[in-house]
PDB file of N, CA and C in Angstrom:
ATOM      1  N   MET A   1      79.966  79.386  72.881  1.00  0.00           N
ATOM      2  CA  MET A   1      81.344  78.944  71.693  1.00  0.00           C
ATOM      3  C   MET A   1      80.651  78.532  70.678  1.00  0.00           C
ATOM      4  N   ALA A   2      79.876  77.805  70.370  1.00  0.00           N
ATOM      5  CA  ALA A   2      79.373  76.824  69.115  1.00  0.00           C
ATOM      6  C   ALA A   2      78.772  77.706  68.055  1.00  0.00           C
ATOM      7  N   PHE A   3      78.946  78.810  68.894  1.00  0.00           N
ATOM      8  CA  PHE A   3      77.946  80.055  67.860  1.00  0.00           C
ATOM      9  C   PHE A   3      78.895  80.749  66.722  1.00  0.00           C
ATOM     10  N   PHE A   4      80.185  81.136  68.046  1.00  0.00           N
ATOM     11  CA  PHE A   4      80.735  82.118  67.166  1.00  0.00           C
ATOM     12  C   PHE A   4      82.103  80.882  66.146  1.00  0.00           C
ATOM     13  N   LYS A   5      82.060  79.613  66.495  1.00  0.00           N
ATOM     14  CA  LYS A   5      83.035  78.707  66.094  1.00  0.00           C
ATOM     15  C   LYS A   5      81.851  78.278  64.112  1.00  0.00           C
ATOM     16  N   ASN A   6      80.884  78.580  63.987  1.00  0.00           N
ATOM     17  CA  ASN A   6      79.900  78.680  62.857  1.00  0.00           C
ATOM     18  C   ASN A   6      80.172  79.659  62.350  1.00  0.00           C
ATOM     19  N   ILE A   7      80.161  81.114  62.740  1.00  0.00           N
ATOM     20  CA  ILE A   7      80.628  82.618  62.303  1.00  0.00           C
ATOM     21  C   ILE A   7      82.103  82.313  61.948  1.00  0.00           C
ATOM     22  N   THR A   8      82.823  82.071  62.434  1.00  0.00           N
ATOM     23  CA  THR A   8      84.086  81.940  61.928  1.00  0.00           C
ATOM     24  C   THR A   8      84.499  81.010  60.844  1.00  0.00           C
ATOM     25  N   ASN A   9      83.900  79.546  60.493  1.00  0.00           N
ATOM     26  CA  ASN A   9      83.118  79.092  59.319  1.00  0.00           C
ATOM     27  C   ASN A   9      82.715  80.259  57.806  1.00  0.00           C
ATOM     28  N   ARG A  10      82.071  80.554  58.217  1.00  0.00           N
ATOM     29  CA  ARG A  10      81.244  81.514  57.192  1.00  0.00           C
ATOM     30  C   ARG A  10      81.928  82.628  57.001  1.00  0.00           C
ATOM     31  N   LEU A  11      82.481  82.652  57.833  1.00  0.00           N
ATOM     32  CA  LEU A  11      83.588  84.483  57.512  1.00  0.00           C
ATOM     33  C   LEU A  11      84.767  84.434  56.538  1.00  0.00           C
ATOM     34  N   GLY A  12      85.627  83.465  57.089  1.00  0.00           N
ATOM     35  CA  GLY A  12      86.375  83.006  56.527  1.00  0.00           C
ATOM     36  C   GLY A  12      87.526  83.674  57.517  1.00  0.00           C
ATOM     37  N   ILE A  13      88.478  84.928  56.739  1.00  0.00           N
ATOM     38  CA  ILE A  13      89.125  85.361  57.228  1.00  0.00           C
ATOM     39  C   ILE A  13      88.772  86.659  58.046  1.00  0.00           C
ATOM     40  N   LEU A  14      87.658  87.353  57.996  1.00  0.00           N
ATOM     41  CA  LEU A  14      86.988  88.360  58.549  1.00  0.00           C
ATOM     42  C   LEU A  14      86.247  87.886  59.796  1.00  0.00           C
ATOM     43  N   GLY A  15      85.780  86.051  59.840  1.00  0.00           N
ATOM     44  CA  GLY A  15      85.443  85.708  61.204  1.00  0.00           C
ATOM     45  C   GLY A  15      86.447  85.386  62.325  1.00  0.00           C
ATOM     46  N   GLU A  16      87.393  84.890  61.614  1.00  0.00           N
ATOM     47  CA  GLU A  16      88.887  84.915  62.599  1.00  0.00           C
ATOM     48  C   GLU A  16      89.237  85.671  63.549  1.00  0.00           C
ATOM     49  N   LEU A  17      89.102  87.460  62.679  1.00  0.00           N
ATOM     50  CA  LEU A  17      89.560  88.322  63.084  1.00  0.00           C
ATOM     51  C   LEU A  17      88.635  88.627  64.086  1.00  0.00           C
ATOM     52  N   LEU A  18      87.451  88.397  63.340  1.00  0.00           N
ATOM     53  CA  LEU A  18      86.432  89.396  64.823  1.00  0.00           C
ATOM     54  C   LEU A  18      86.436  87.896  65.970  1.00  0.00           C
ATOM     55  N   GLN A  19      86.980  87.024  66.072  1.00  0.00           N
ATOM     56  CA  GLN A  19      87.501  86.446  67.169  1.00  0.00           C
ATOM     57  C   GLN A  19      88.295  86.522  68.079  1.00  0.00           C
ATOM     58  N   PHE A  20      89.600  87.139  67.385  1.00  0.00           N
ATOM     59  CA  PHE A  20      90.422  87.403  68.224  1.00  0.00           C
ATOM     60  C   PHE A  20      90.510  88.576  68.748  1.00  0.00           C
ATOM     61  N   PHE A  21      89.250  89.362  68.032  1.00  0.00           N
ATOM     62  CA  PHE A  21      89.330  91.312  68.673  1.00  0.00           C
ATOM     63  C   PHE A  21      88.662  90.272  70.232  1.00  0.00           C
ATOM     64  N   LEU A  22      87.856  89.388  69.828  1.00  0.00           N
ATOM     65  CA  LEU A  22      86.655  88.916  71.325  1.00  0.00           C
ATOM     66  C   LEU A  22      87.587  88.593  71.909  1.00  0.00           C
ATOM     67  N   GLN A  23      88.560  87.223  71.561  1.00  0.00           N
ATOM     68  CA  GLN A  23      89.161  86.645  72.850  1.00  0.00           C
ATOM     69  C   GLN A  23      89.694  87.750  73.682  1.00  0.00           C
ATOM     70  N   ASN A  24      90.555  88.851  72.665  1.00  0.00           N
ATOM     71  CA  ASN A  24      92.040  89.814  73.362  1.00  0.00           C
ATOM     72  C   ASN A  24      91.489  90.791  74.215  1.00  0.00           C
ATOM     73  N   LYS A  25      89.864  91.386  73.899  1.00  0.00           N
ATOM     74  CA  LYS A  25      89.185  92.006  74.665  1.00  0.00           C
ATOM     75  C   LYS A  25      89.714  93.460  73.755  1.00  0.00           C
ATOM     76  N   TRP A  26      89.836  93.602  72.345  1.00  0.00           N
ATOM     77  CA  TRP A  26      90.324  94.381  71.134  1.00  0.00           C
ATOM     78  C   TRP A  26      88.785  94.788  70.790  1.00  0.00           C
ATOM     79  N   TRP A  27      88.004  94.752  71.861  1.00  0.00           N
ATOM     80  CA  TRP A  27      86.774  95.625  70.872  1.00  0.00           C
ATOM     81  C   TRP A  27      86.163  97.046  70.801  1.00  0.00           C
ATOM     82  N   TRP A  28      87.188  97.923  71.524  1.00  0.00           N
ATOM     83  CA  TRP A  28      87.209  99.240  71.501  1.00  0.00           C
ATOM     84  C   TRP A  28      87.595  99.482  70.148  1.00  0.00           C
ATOM     85  N   ILE A  29      88.693  99.018  69.155  1.00  0.00           N
ATOM     86  CA  ILE A  29      89.283  99.040  68.683  1.00  0.00           C
ATOM     87  C   ILE A  29      88.545  98.821  67.005  1.00  0.00           C
ATOM     88  N   THR A  30      88.010  98.286  67.031  1.00  0.00           N
ATOM     89  CA  THR A  30      87.392  97.515  65.765  1.00  0.00           C
ATOM     90  C   THR A  30      86.536  98.594  64.477  1.00  0.00           C
ATOM     91  N   PRO A  31      85.714  99.481  65.864  1.00  0.00           N
ATOM     92  CA  PRO A  31      85.285 100.827  65.209  1.00  0.00           C
ATOM     93  C   PRO A  31      86.281 101.660  64.923  1.00  0.00           C
ATOM     94  N   MET A  32      87.371 101.935  65.011  1.00  0.00           N
ATOM     95  CA  MET A  32      88.372 102.867  64.555  1.00  0.00           C
ATOM     96  C   MET A  32      88.702 102.179  63.524  1.00  0.00           C
ATOM     97  N   LEU A  33      89.205 101.087  63.664  1.00  0.00           N
ATOM     98  CA  LEU A  33      89.457 100.005  61.667  1.00  0.00           C
ATOM     99  C   LEU A  33      88.715 100.171  61.118  1.00  0.00           C
ATOM    100  N   LEU A  34      87.351 100.352  60.974  1.00  0.00           N
ATOM    101  CA  LEU A  34      85.600 100.359  60.468  1.00  0.00           C
ATOM    102  C   LEU A  34      86.147 101.328  59.754  1.00  0.00           C
ATOM    103  N   ILE A  35      86.385 102.488  60.380  1.00  0.00           N
ATOM    104  CA  ILE A  35      86.373 104.063  60.021  1.00  0.00           C
ATOM    105  C   ILE A  35      87.480 104.126  58.844  1.00  0.00           C
ATOM    106  N   LEU A  36      88.462 103.717  59.348  1.00  0.00           N
ATOM    107  CA  LEU A  36      89.665 103.814  58.864  1.00  0.00           C
ATOM    108  C   LEU A  36      89.632 103.018  57.030  1.00  0.00           C
ATOM    109  N   LEU A  37      89.343 101.882  57.356  1.00  0.00           N
ATOM    110  CA  LEU A  37      88.847 101.343  56.196  1.00  0.00           C
ATOM    111  C   LEU A  37      87.949 102.170  55.141  1.00  0.00           C
ATOM    112  N   MET A  38      86.664 102.472  55.901  1.00  0.00           N
ATOM    113  CA  MET A  38      85.661 102.736  55.250  1.00  0.00           C
ATOM    114  C   MET A  38      86.437 104.078  54.568  1.00  0.00           C
ATOM    115  N   PHE A  39      86.880 105.377  55.143  1.00  0.00           N
ATOM    116  CA  PHE A  39      88.071 105.652  54.374  1.00  0.00           C
ATOM    117  C   PHE A  39      88.707 105.846  52.702  1.00  0.00           C
ATOM    118  N   GLY A  40      89.386 104.709  53.704  1.00  0.00           N
ATOM    119  CA  GLY A  40      90.510 104.583  51.929  1.00  0.00           C
ATOM    120  C   GLY A  40      89.645 104.043  51.213  1.00  0.00           C
ATOM    121  N   LEU A  41      88.414 103.039  50.804  1.00  0.00           N
ATOM    122  CA  LEU A  41      88.115 102.356  50.386  1.00  0.00           C
ATOM    123  C   LEU A  41      87.098 103.513  49.695  1.00  0.00           C
ATOM    124  N   LEU A  42      86.338 105.115  50.586  1.00  0.00           N
ATOM    125  CA  LEU A  42      86.681 105.558  49.733  1.00  0.00           C
ATOM    126  C   LEU A  42      87.148 106.704  48.499  1.00  0.00           C
ATOM    127  N   ILE A  43      88.550 106.711  49.126  1.00  0.00           N
ATOM    128  CA  ILE A  43      89.223 107.811  48.522  1.00  0.00           C
ATOM    129  C   ILE A  43      90.138 106.400  47.123  1.00  0.00           C
ATOM    130  N   VAL A  44      90.542 105.309  47.326  1.00  0.00           N
ATOM    131  CA  VAL A  44      90.074 104.778  46.451  1.00  0.00           C
ATOM    132  C   VAL A  44      89.433 104.373  44.924  1.00  0.00           C
ATOM    133  N   PHE A  45      88.295 103.977  45.536  1.00  0.00           N
ATOM    134  CA  PHE A  45      86.889 104.130  45.052  1.00  0.00           C
ATOM    135  C   PHE A  45      86.800 105.533  43.919  1.00  0.00           C
ATOM    136  N   ALA A  46      87.079 106.756  44.595  1.00  0.00           N
ATOM    137  CA  ALA A  46      86.770 107.857  44.064  1.00  0.00           C
ATOM    138  C   ALA A  46      87.417 108.928  43.077  1.00  0.00           C
ATOM    139  N   GLN A  47      88.728 108.422  42.921  1.00  0.00           N
ATOM    140  CA  GLN A  47      89.647 108.610  42.291  1.00  0.00           C
ATOM    141  C   GLN A  47      89.264 108.840  41.320  1.00  0.00           C
ATOM    142  N   GLY A  48      89.199 107.836  40.329  1.00  0.00           N
ATOM    143  CA  GLY A  48      88.600 108.037  38.732  1.00  0.00           C
ATOM    144  C   GLY A  48      87.217 108.779  38.456  1.00  0.00           C
ATOM    145  N   SER A  49      86.060 108.953  39.537  1.00  0.00           N
ATOM    146  CA  SER A  49      84.877 109.558  39.228  1.00  0.00           C
ATOM    147  C   SER A  49      84.633 111.482  39.589  1.00  0.00           C
ATOM    148  N   ALA A  50      83.867 111.785  39.046  1.00  0.00           N
ATOM    149  CA  ALA A  50      83.744 113.194  38.787  1.00  0.00           C
ATOM    150  C   ALA A  50      83.469 113.342  39.836  1.00  0.00           C
ATOM    151  N   VAL A  51      83.522 112.676  41.298  1.00  0.00           N
ATOM    152  CA  VAL A  51      82.858 112.982  42.707  1.00  0.00           C
ATOM    153  C   VAL A  51      84.203 113.330  43.115  1.00  0.00           C
ATOM    154  N   ALA A  52      85.676 113.059  42.915  1.00  0.00           N
ATOM    155  CA  ALA A  52      86.834 113.254  43.374  1.00  0.00           C
ATOM    156  C   ALA A  52      86.761 114.183  44.039  1.00  0.00           C
ATOM    157  N   PRO A  53      86.682 115.863  42.907  1.00  0.00           N
ATOM    158  CA  PRO A  53      87.528 116.851  43.860  1.00  0.00           C
ATOM    159  C   PRO A  53      85.885 117.522  44.823  1.00  0.00           C
ATOM    160  N   PHE A  54      85.115 116.607  44.932  1.00  0.00           N
ATOM    161  CA  PHE A  54      84.165 117.458  46.113  1.00  0.00           C
ATOM    162  C   PHE A  54      84.732 116.604  47.102  1.00  0.00           C
ATOM    163  N   ILE A  55      85.351 114.854  47.222  1.00  0.00           N
ATOM    164  CA  ILE A  55      85.137 114.107  48.278  1.00  0.00           C
ATOM    165  C   ILE A  55      86.723 114.629  49.373  1.00  0.00           C
ATOM    166  N   TYR A  56      87.628 115.570  48.525  1.00  0.00           N
ATOM    167  CA  TYR A  56      89.084 115.442  48.591  1.00  0.00           C
ATOM    168  C   TYR A  56      88.998 117.078  49.646  1.00  0.00           C
ATOM    169  N   THR A  57      87.928 117.456  49.240  1.00  0.00           N
ATOM    170  CA  THR A  57      87.318 118.661  50.210  1.00  0.00           C
ATOM    171  C   THR A  57      87.437 117.959  51.629  1.00  0.00           C
ATOM    172  N   LEU A  58      86.985 117.359  52.033  1.00  0.00           N
ATOM    173  CA  LEU A  58      86.591 116.394  53.398  1.00  0.00           C
ATOM    174  C   LEU A  58      87.767 116.725  54.081  1.00  0.00           C
ATOM    175  N   PHE A  59      88.832 116.120  53.483  1.00  0.00           N
ATOM    176  CA  PHE A  59      90.393 116.052  54.069  1.00  0.00           C
ATOM    177  C   PHE A  59      91.312 117.348  53.791  1.00  0.00           C
TER     178      PHE A  59
END
């Protein structure tokens, strides 16, 4: 358990979220949240670029 405390201290909020998921057995939802976060970041960062029309065709 000391290993997880060390990770939690180094990662801050992200570490606390990971610890929460592990303690409450929510490990199955983590990949879904990461994929949603990646899609959201892709949309936000691609809005101002020339690649935007090609990315929007994916949705």
